[in-house]
Amino acid sequence: MFVHTLDDGGVIDESSLLEDAVESEPEVDTGAVRYEIIERATQRGNALLVDSRGYSYGVHRRSEDSVLWRCTTRSSSVKCRAIVRQEGDVFTPGSLFYLLT
């Protein structure tokens, strides 16, 4: 029980706050990111890769067996340097993090 007595004689009971926190279900993040390729999604008719976190990627480079996708978020203050390598149906994020200022 968390009860505090104030200097003016008032009392604050925080026990209900703790009960609410314990009873609520925490959000579960499975860590699995899903990717979807959207054909003809750009203004120029190119494919766009979108992940379940809301980031989108354009084709940066293609080879015989893989595609390198680069994050499309760019502005004067935000530079997203994230990449994703696609080999068949397998998507592997690169080591760079997303939003860099």
C-alpha atoms as a PDB file:
ATOM      1  CA  MET A   1       0.000   0.000   0.000  1.00  0.00           C
ATOM      2  CA  PHE A   2       1.433   3.356  -1.065  1.00  0.00           C
ATOM      3  CA  VAL A   3       0.036   6.150   1.112  1.00  0.00           C
ATOM      4  CA  HIS A   4       1.805   9.485   1.524  1.00  0.00           C
ATOM      5  CA  THR A   5       0.984  12.066   4.208  1.00  0.00           C
ATOM      6  CA  LEU A   6       1.495  15.647   3.073  1.00  0.00           C
ATOM      7  CA  ASP A   7       2.825  18.479   5.269  1.00  0.00           C
ATOM      8  CA  ASP A   8      -0.645  20.053   5.374  1.00  0.00           C
ATOM      9  CA  GLY A   9      -2.193  16.817   6.717  1.00  0.00           C
ATOM     10  CA  GLY A  10      -3.575  15.632   3.383  1.00  0.00           C
ATOM     11  CA  VAL A  11      -3.156  12.028   2.293  1.00  0.00           C
ATOM     12  CA  ILE A  12      -2.311  10.635  -1.156  1.00  0.00           C
ATOM     13  CA  ASP A  13      -3.218   7.000  -1.790  1.00  0.00           C
ATOM     14  CA  GLU A  14      -1.331   5.601  -4.813  1.00  0.00           C
ATOM     15  CA  SER A  15      -2.230   1.944  -4.301  1.00  0.00           C
ATOM     16  CA  SER A  16      -4.891   2.038  -7.032  1.00  0.00           C
ATOM     17  CA  LEU A  17      -2.298   3.329  -9.514  1.00  0.00           C
ATOM     18  CA  LEU A  18      -0.115   0.301  -8.887  1.00  0.00           C
ATOM     19  CA  GLU A  19      -3.057  -2.080  -9.260  1.00  0.00           C
ATOM     20  CA  ASP A  20      -3.964  -0.549 -12.646  1.00  0.00           C
ATOM     21  CA  ALA A  21      -0.389  -0.926 -13.833  1.00  0.00           C
ATOM     22  CA  VAL A  22      -0.229  -4.577 -12.794  1.00  0.00           C
ATOM     23  CA  GLU A  23      -3.598  -5.461 -14.324  1.00  0.00           C
ATOM     24  CA  SER A  24      -2.903  -3.947 -17.750  1.00  0.00           C
ATOM     25  CA  GLU A  25      -1.447  -6.196 -20.426  1.00  0.00           C
ATOM     26  CA  PRO A  26       1.920  -5.089 -21.796  1.00  0.00           C
ATOM     27  CA  GLU A  27       2.245  -4.719 -25.545  1.00  0.00           C
ATOM     28  CA  VAL A  28       4.050  -7.669 -27.048  1.00  0.00           C
ATOM     29  CA  ASP A  29       6.673  -6.934 -29.675  1.00  0.00           C
ATOM     30  CA  THR A  30       7.560 -10.173 -31.397  1.00  0.00           C
ATOM     31  CA  GLY A  31      10.460  -8.491 -33.148  1.00  0.00           C
ATOM     32  CA  ALA A  32       9.485 -10.054 -36.462  1.00  0.00           C
ATOM     33  CA  VAL A  33       9.361  -7.441 -39.196  1.00  0.00           C
ATOM     34  CA  ARG A  34       7.177  -8.237 -42.188  1.00  0.00           C
ATOM     35  CA  TYR A  35       7.968  -6.939 -45.662  1.00  0.00           C
ATOM     36  CA  GLU A  36       5.687  -6.415 -48.645  1.00  0.00           C
ATOM     37  CA  ILE A  37       6.632  -5.411 -52.175  1.00  0.00           C
ATOM     38  CA  ILE A  38       4.165  -3.081 -53.850  1.00  0.00           C
ATOM     39  CA  GLU A  39       4.569  -3.086 -57.629  1.00  0.00           C
ATOM     40  CA  ARG A  40       4.336   0.214 -59.550  1.00  0.00           C
ATOM     41  CA  ALA A  41       4.020   2.166 -56.301  1.00  0.00           C
ATOM     42  CA  THR A  42       6.304   5.105 -57.075  1.00  0.00           C
ATOM     43  CA  GLN A  43       5.591   8.055 -59.351  1.00  0.00           C
ATOM     44  CA  ARG A  44       7.929   6.500 -61.906  1.00  0.00           C
ATOM     45  CA  GLY A  45       6.186   3.134 -61.711  1.00  0.00           C
ATOM     46  CA  ASN A  46       8.887   1.344 -59.725  1.00  0.00           C
ATOM     47  CA  ALA A  47       8.372  -1.188 -56.949  1.00  0.00           C
ATOM     48  CA  LEU A  48       8.395  -0.122 -53.315  1.00  0.00           C
ATOM     49  CA  LEU A  49       9.236  -2.308 -50.322  1.00  0.00           C
ATOM     50  CA  VAL A  50       7.224  -1.505 -47.174  1.00  0.00           C
ATOM     51  CA  ASP A  51       7.886  -3.015 -43.752  1.00  0.00           C
ATOM     52  CA  SER A  52       5.529  -3.547 -40.807  1.00  0.00           C
ATOM     53  CA  ARG A  53       7.133  -0.650 -38.909  1.00  0.00           C
ATOM     54  CA  GLY A  54       6.032   1.811 -41.593  1.00  0.00           C
ATOM     55  CA  TYR A  55       9.352   2.359 -43.358  1.00  0.00           C
ATOM     56  CA  SER A  56       9.496   2.210 -47.145  1.00  0.00           C
ATOM     57  CA  TYR A  57      12.413   1.353 -49.406  1.00  0.00           C
ATOM     58  CA  GLY A  58      13.195   1.867 -53.076  1.00  0.00           C
ATOM     59  CA  VAL A  59      15.407  -0.340 -55.245  1.00  0.00           C
ATOM     60  CA  HIS A  60      19.012   0.785 -54.848  1.00  0.00           C
ATOM     61  CA  ARG A  61      20.807  -2.010 -56.678  1.00  0.00           C
ATOM     62  CA  ARG A  62      19.931  -5.317 -58.343  1.00  0.00           C
ATOM     63  CA  SER A  63      22.112  -8.345 -58.983  1.00  0.00           C
ATOM     64  CA  GLU A  64      21.403 -11.825 -60.323  1.00  0.00           C
ATOM     65  CA  ASP A  65      20.422 -13.259 -56.955  1.00  0.00           C
ATOM     66  CA  SER A  66      19.522 -10.270 -54.745  1.00  0.00           C
ATOM     67  CA  VAL A  67      18.009  -6.811 -54.522  1.00  0.00           C
ATOM     68  CA  LEU A  68      19.351  -4.074 -52.267  1.00  0.00           C
ATOM     69  CA  TRP A  69      16.567  -1.780 -51.023  1.00  0.00           C
ATOM     70  CA  ARG A  70      17.362   1.666 -49.542  1.00  0.00           C
ATOM     71  CA  CYS A  71      15.134   3.639 -47.156  1.00  0.00           C
ATOM     72  CA  THR A  72      13.218   6.392 -48.960  1.00  0.00           C
ATOM     73  CA  THR A  73      12.893   8.810 -46.018  1.00  0.00           C
ATOM     74  CA  ARG A  74      14.973  11.837 -46.946  1.00  0.00           C
ATOM     75  CA  SER A  75      14.767  15.513 -46.031  1.00  0.00           C
ATOM     76  CA  SER A  76      17.117  18.315 -45.070  1.00  0.00           C
ATOM     77  CA  SER A  77      17.003  17.295 -41.398  1.00  0.00           C
ATOM     78  CA  VAL A  78      16.366  13.530 -41.541  1.00  0.00           C
ATOM     79  CA  LYS A  79      18.430  11.016 -43.431  1.00  0.00           C
ATOM     80  CA  CYS A  80      17.401   7.391 -43.275  1.00  0.00           C
ATOM     81  CA  ARG A  81      20.350   5.201 -44.223  1.00  0.00           C
ATOM     82  CA  ALA A  82      18.725   1.836 -43.582  1.00  0.00           C
ATOM     83  CA  ILE A  83      19.002  -0.892 -46.186  1.00  0.00           C
ATOM     84  CA  VAL A  84      17.356  -4.264 -46.658  1.00  0.00           C
ATOM     85  CA  ARG A  85      18.810  -7.093 -48.737  1.00  0.00           C
ATOM     86  CA  GLN A  86      16.340  -9.385 -50.482  1.00  0.00           C
ATOM     87  CA  GLU A  87      17.426 -12.828 -51.609  1.00  0.00           C
ATOM     88  CA  GLY A  88      14.418 -14.664 -52.996  1.00  0.00           C
ATOM     89  CA  ASP A  89      11.726 -14.407 -50.324  1.00  0.00           C
ATOM     90  CA  VAL A  90      14.211 -13.673 -47.524  1.00  0.00           C
ATOM     91  CA  PHE A  91      14.637 -10.065 -46.342  1.00  0.00           C
ATOM     92  CA  THR A  92      17.645  -9.142 -44.193  1.00  0.00           C
ATOM     93  CA  PRO A  93      17.953  -5.646 -42.682  1.00  0.00           C
ATOM     94  CA  GLY A  94      21.370  -4.008 -42.813  1.00  0.00           C
ATOM     95  CA  SER A  95      23.401  -2.897 -39.826  1.00  0.00           C
ATOM     96  CA  LEU A  96      22.601   0.836 -40.127  1.00  0.00           C
ATOM     97  CA  PHE A  97      19.798   2.205 -38.013  1.00  0.00           C
ATOM     98  CA  TYR A  98      16.941   4.225 -39.419  1.00  0.00           C
ATOM     99  CA  LEU A  99      16.619   7.922 -38.758  1.00  0.00           C
ATOM    100  CA  LEU A 100      19.801   9.899 -38.492  1.00  0.00           C
ATOM    101  CA  THR A 101      19.782  13.667 -38.033  1.00  0.00           C
END
